Amino acid sequence: MKKLILLVAFALAIGVTVQAQEKSADGPIIAFEESSRDFGNITQGDKVEHVFKFENKGKTPLVISNVAATCGCTVPAWPKEPIAPGQKGEIKVSFNSAGKMGKQNSVVRIYSNASEPIEKVSLISNVLPKGAK
């Protein structure tokens, strides 16, 4: 009897795992062309920006619910409407180096309904004092 119960529990666990894998394979998949942009040396006070391009490689619409930066010096802009399967979109990220110094890695988190619900992109720079370039 114990073996039968264990066998049923094991079969149920496998069924749930297979369903979860099938669900994620049928859902939206966000694929970025690049995950970071390195600006090298910039001068303190410079503002830089980059557009991260992506595609929904999944089978259902991609909905980006939020995009959050690690500090107020980094500002993201993203599409608010769903991105259909096969369609492309862009996330524009701006970084203001005022008050910053040295190596900077501004990470932006993208929250969505994709198979991987949190993606990250980043702007990298080395902020030099004014007049030091």
C-alpha atoms as a PDB file:
ATOM      1  CA  MET A   1       0.000   0.000   0.000  1.00  0.00           C
ATOM      2  CA  LYS A   2       2.816   2.407   0.855  1.00  0.00           C
ATOM      3  CA  LYS A   3       4.447   1.667  -2.505  1.00  0.00           C
ATOM      4  CA  LEU A   4       1.188   2.431  -4.305  1.00  0.00           C
ATOM      5  CA  ILE A   5       0.815   5.778  -2.509  1.00  0.00           C
ATOM      6  CA  LEU A   6       4.440   6.653  -3.282  1.00  0.00           C
ATOM      7  CA  LEU A   7       3.951   5.711  -6.924  1.00  0.00           C
ATOM      8  CA  VAL A   8       0.827   7.900  -7.229  1.00  0.00           C
ATOM      9  CA  ALA A   9       2.572  10.846  -5.536  1.00  0.00           C
ATOM     10  CA  PHE A  10       5.556  10.470  -7.857  1.00  0.00           C
ATOM     11  CA  ALA A  11       3.310  10.361 -10.932  1.00  0.00           C
ATOM     12  CA  LEU A  12       1.485  13.508  -9.798  1.00  0.00           C
ATOM     13  CA  ALA A  13       4.784  15.318  -9.224  1.00  0.00           C
ATOM     14  CA  ILE A  14       5.976  14.447 -12.729  1.00  0.00           C
ATOM     15  CA  GLY A  15       2.650  15.599 -14.204  1.00  0.00           C
ATOM     16  CA  VAL A  16       2.863  18.988 -12.472  1.00  0.00           C
ATOM     17  CA  THR A  17       6.476  19.465 -13.629  1.00  0.00           C
ATOM     18  CA  VAL A  18       5.599  18.633 -17.241  1.00  0.00           C
ATOM     19  CA  GLN A  19       2.634  21.049 -17.157  1.00  0.00           C
ATOM     20  CA  ALA A  20       4.848  23.853 -15.809  1.00  0.00           C
ATOM     21  CA  GLN A  21       7.431  23.250 -18.544  1.00  0.00           C
ATOM     22  CA  GLU A  22       4.743  23.224 -21.247  1.00  0.00           C
ATOM     23  CA  LYS A  23       3.218  26.434 -19.879  1.00  0.00           C
ATOM     24  CA  SER A  24       6.549  28.292 -19.954  1.00  0.00           C
ATOM     25  CA  ALA A  25       7.311  27.026 -23.475  1.00  0.00           C
ATOM     26  CA  ASP A  26       3.969  28.381 -24.715  1.00  0.00           C
ATOM     27  CA  GLY A  27       4.304  31.755 -22.973  1.00  0.00           C
ATOM     28  CA  PRO A  28       6.177  34.900 -23.967  1.00  0.00           C
ATOM     29  CA  ILE A  29       9.974  34.835 -24.181  1.00  0.00           C
ATOM     30  CA  ILE A  30      11.901  38.108 -24.039  1.00  0.00           C
ATOM     31  CA  ALA A  31      15.181  37.986 -25.979  1.00  0.00           C
ATOM     32  CA  PHE A  32      17.505  40.994 -25.807  1.00  0.00           C
ATOM     33  CA  GLU A  33      20.031  41.718 -28.565  1.00  0.00           C
ATOM     34  CA  GLU A  34      22.482  42.710 -25.810  1.00  0.00           C
ATOM     35  CA  SER A  35      22.326  42.816 -22.033  1.00  0.00           C
ATOM     36  CA  SER A  36      24.814  45.617 -21.338  1.00  0.00           C
ATOM     37  CA  ARG A  37      26.400  48.694 -22.882  1.00  0.00           C
ATOM     38  CA  ASP A  38      29.849  49.875 -21.797  1.00  0.00           C
ATOM     39  CA  PHE A  39      30.486  53.584 -22.388  1.00  0.00           C
ATOM     40  CA  GLY A  40      34.081  53.439 -21.137  1.00  0.00           C
ATOM     41  CA  ASN A  41      35.365  56.688 -19.623  1.00  0.00           C
ATOM     42  CA  ILE A  42      32.900  59.555 -19.287  1.00  0.00           C
ATOM     43  CA  THR A  43      33.224  62.879 -17.490  1.00  0.00           C
ATOM     44  CA  GLN A  44      31.347  63.547 -14.262  1.00  0.00           C
ATOM     45  CA  GLY A  45      28.097  65.282 -15.178  1.00  0.00           C
ATOM     46  CA  ASP A  46      27.782  63.589 -18.589  1.00  0.00           C
ATOM     47  CA  LYS A  47      24.463  62.001 -19.486  1.00  0.00           C
ATOM     48  CA  VAL A  48      24.513  58.849 -21.601  1.00  0.00           C
ATOM     49  CA  GLU A  49      21.699  56.705 -22.920  1.00  0.00           C
ATOM     50  CA  HIS A  50      21.235  53.451 -24.757  1.00  0.00           C
ATOM     51  CA  VAL A  51      18.308  51.646 -26.357  1.00  0.00           C
ATOM     52  CA  PHE A  52      18.093  47.935 -25.527  1.00  0.00           C
ATOM     53  CA  LYS A  53      16.250  46.142 -28.313  1.00  0.00           C
ATOM     54  CA  PHE A  54      14.358  42.917 -27.700  1.00  0.00           C
ATOM     55  CA  GLU A  55      11.993  40.504 -29.394  1.00  0.00           C
ATOM     56  CA  ASN A  56       9.131  38.396 -28.061  1.00  0.00           C
ATOM     57  CA  LYS A  57      10.187  34.934 -29.235  1.00  0.00           C
ATOM     58  CA  GLY A  58       7.321  33.263 -27.400  1.00  0.00           C
ATOM     59  CA  LYS A  59       3.842  32.226 -28.475  1.00  0.00           C
ATOM     60  CA  THR A  60       1.737  34.693 -26.458  1.00  0.00           C
ATOM     61  CA  PRO A  61       1.874  38.495 -25.930  1.00  0.00           C
ATOM     62  CA  LEU A  62       4.642  39.858 -23.712  1.00  0.00           C
ATOM     63  CA  VAL A  63       3.540  42.342 -21.051  1.00  0.00           C
ATOM     64  CA  ILE A  64       6.211  44.374 -19.264  1.00  0.00           C
ATOM     65  CA  SER A  65       4.685  45.296 -15.917  1.00  0.00           C
ATOM     66  CA  ASN A  66       7.576  47.368 -14.546  1.00  0.00           C
ATOM     67  CA  VAL A  67      11.142  48.416 -15.214  1.00  0.00           C
ATOM     68  CA  ALA A  68      13.152  49.475 -12.168  1.00  0.00           C
ATOM     69  CA  ALA A  69      16.609  51.030 -11.872  1.00  0.00           C
ATOM     70  CA  THR A  70      19.011  50.594  -8.962  1.00  0.00           C
ATOM     71  CA  CYS A  71      19.274  54.367  -8.364  1.00  0.00           C
ATOM     72  CA  GLY A  72      17.645  57.655  -9.327  1.00  0.00           C
ATOM     73  CA  CYS A  73      20.571  58.436 -11.649  1.00  0.00           C
ATOM     74  CA  THR A  74      19.257  55.819 -14.097  1.00  0.00           C
ATOM     75  CA  VAL A  75      15.915  56.335 -15.831  1.00  0.00           C
ATOM     76  CA  PRO A  76      14.236  53.670 -17.999  1.00  0.00           C
ATOM     77  CA  ALA A  77      11.417  54.077 -20.534  1.00  0.00           C
ATOM     78  CA  TRP A  78       9.575  51.013 -21.826  1.00  0.00           C
ATOM     79  CA  PRO A  79       6.569  50.033 -23.950  1.00  0.00           C
ATOM     80  CA  LYS A  80       3.339  49.934 -21.953  1.00  0.00           C
ATOM     81  CA  GLU A  81       1.356  47.986 -24.575  1.00  0.00           C
ATOM     82  CA  PRO A  82       1.718  44.185 -25.025  1.00  0.00           C
ATOM     83  CA  ILE A  83       4.347  42.996 -27.504  1.00  0.00           C
ATOM     84  CA  ALA A  84       2.869  40.336 -29.810  1.00  0.00           C
ATOM     85  CA  PRO A  85       4.759  37.119 -30.599  1.00  0.00           C
ATOM     86  CA  GLY A  86       7.487  37.821 -33.152  1.00  0.00           C
ATOM     87  CA  GLN A  87       7.299  41.589 -32.557  1.00  0.00           C
ATOM     88  CA  LYS A  88      10.181  43.761 -31.371  1.00  0.00           C
ATOM     89  CA  GLY A  89      10.351  46.436 -28.712  1.00  0.00           C
ATOM     90  CA  GLU A  90      12.810  48.808 -27.065  1.00  0.00           C
ATOM     91  CA  ILE A  91      13.749  49.872 -23.567  1.00  0.00           C
ATOM     92  CA  LYS A  92      15.555  53.222 -23.440  1.00  0.00           C
ATOM     93  CA  VAL A  93      17.832  53.737 -20.441  1.00  0.00           C
ATOM     94  CA  SER A  94      19.467  57.044 -19.483  1.00  0.00           C
ATOM     95  CA  PHE A  95      22.277  57.493 -16.938  1.00  0.00           C
ATOM     96  CA  ASN A  96      23.220  60.833 -15.356  1.00  0.00           C
ATOM     97  CA  SER A  97      26.751  60.744 -13.935  1.00  0.00           C
ATOM     98  CA  ALA A  98      26.367  63.924 -11.842  1.00  0.00           C
ATOM     99  CA  GLY A  99      27.667  63.222  -8.346  1.00  0.00           C
ATOM    100  CA  LYS A 100      29.125  59.843  -9.380  1.00  0.00           C
ATOM    101  CA  MET A 101      32.772  58.840  -9.503  1.00  0.00           C
ATOM    102  CA  GLY A 102      34.667  55.751 -10.638  1.00  0.00           C
ATOM    103  CA  LYS A 103      33.332  52.504 -12.079  1.00  0.00           C
ATOM    104  CA  GLN A 104      29.525  52.492 -12.417  1.00  0.00           C
ATOM    105  CA  ASN A 105      27.264  49.564 -13.271  1.00  0.00           C
ATOM    106  CA  SER A 106      23.681  50.817 -13.455  1.00  0.00           C
ATOM    107  CA  VAL A 107      21.441  47.754 -13.457  1.00  0.00           C
ATOM    108  CA  VAL A 108      17.859  47.889 -14.687  1.00  0.00           C
ATOM    109  CA  ARG A 109      15.418  45.069 -13.884  1.00  0.00           C
ATOM    110  CA  ILE A 110      12.634  44.250 -16.323  1.00  0.00           C
ATOM    111  CA  TYR A 111       9.552  42.602 -14.777  1.00  0.00           C
ATOM    112  CA  SER A 112       7.238  40.815 -17.201  1.00  0.00           C
ATOM    113  CA  ASN A 113       5.048  37.797 -17.809  1.00  0.00           C
ATOM    114  CA  ALA A 114       7.862  36.100 -19.776  1.00  0.00           C
ATOM    115  CA  SER A 115       9.118  32.608 -19.043  1.00  0.00           C
ATOM    116  CA  GLU A 116      11.993  34.320 -17.199  1.00  0.00           C
ATOM    117  CA  PRO A 117       9.969  36.923 -15.218  1.00  0.00           C
ATOM    118  CA  ILE A 118      12.914  39.166 -14.285  1.00  0.00           C
ATOM    119  CA  GLU A 119      15.552  40.142 -16.830  1.00  0.00           C
ATOM    120  CA  LYS A 120      18.446  42.570 -16.309  1.00  0.00           C
ATOM    121  CA  VAL A 121      20.240  45.036 -18.549  1.00  0.00           C
ATOM    122  CA  SER A 122      22.961  47.449 -17.503  1.00  0.00           C
ATOM    123  CA  LEU A 123      24.869  50.590 -18.436  1.00  0.00           C
ATOM    124  CA  ILE A 124      28.544  50.464 -17.524  1.00  0.00           C
ATOM    125  CA  SER A 125      30.886  53.445 -17.344  1.00  0.00           C
ATOM    126  CA  ASN A 126      33.927  54.809 -15.588  1.00  0.00           C
ATOM    127  CA  VAL A 127      33.184  58.324 -14.353  1.00  0.00           C
ATOM    128  CA  LEU A 128      36.217  60.617 -14.328  1.00  0.00           C
ATOM    129  CA  PRO A 129      36.434  64.024 -12.621  1.00  0.00           C
ATOM    130  CA  LYS A 130      35.757  67.039 -14.826  1.00  0.00           C
ATOM    131  CA  GLY A 131      38.799  67.969 -16.889  1.00  0.00           C
ATOM    132  CA  ALA A 132      40.472  64.546 -16.407  1.00  0.00           C
ATOM    133  CA  LYS A 133      39.742  62.977 -19.802  1.00  0.00           C
END
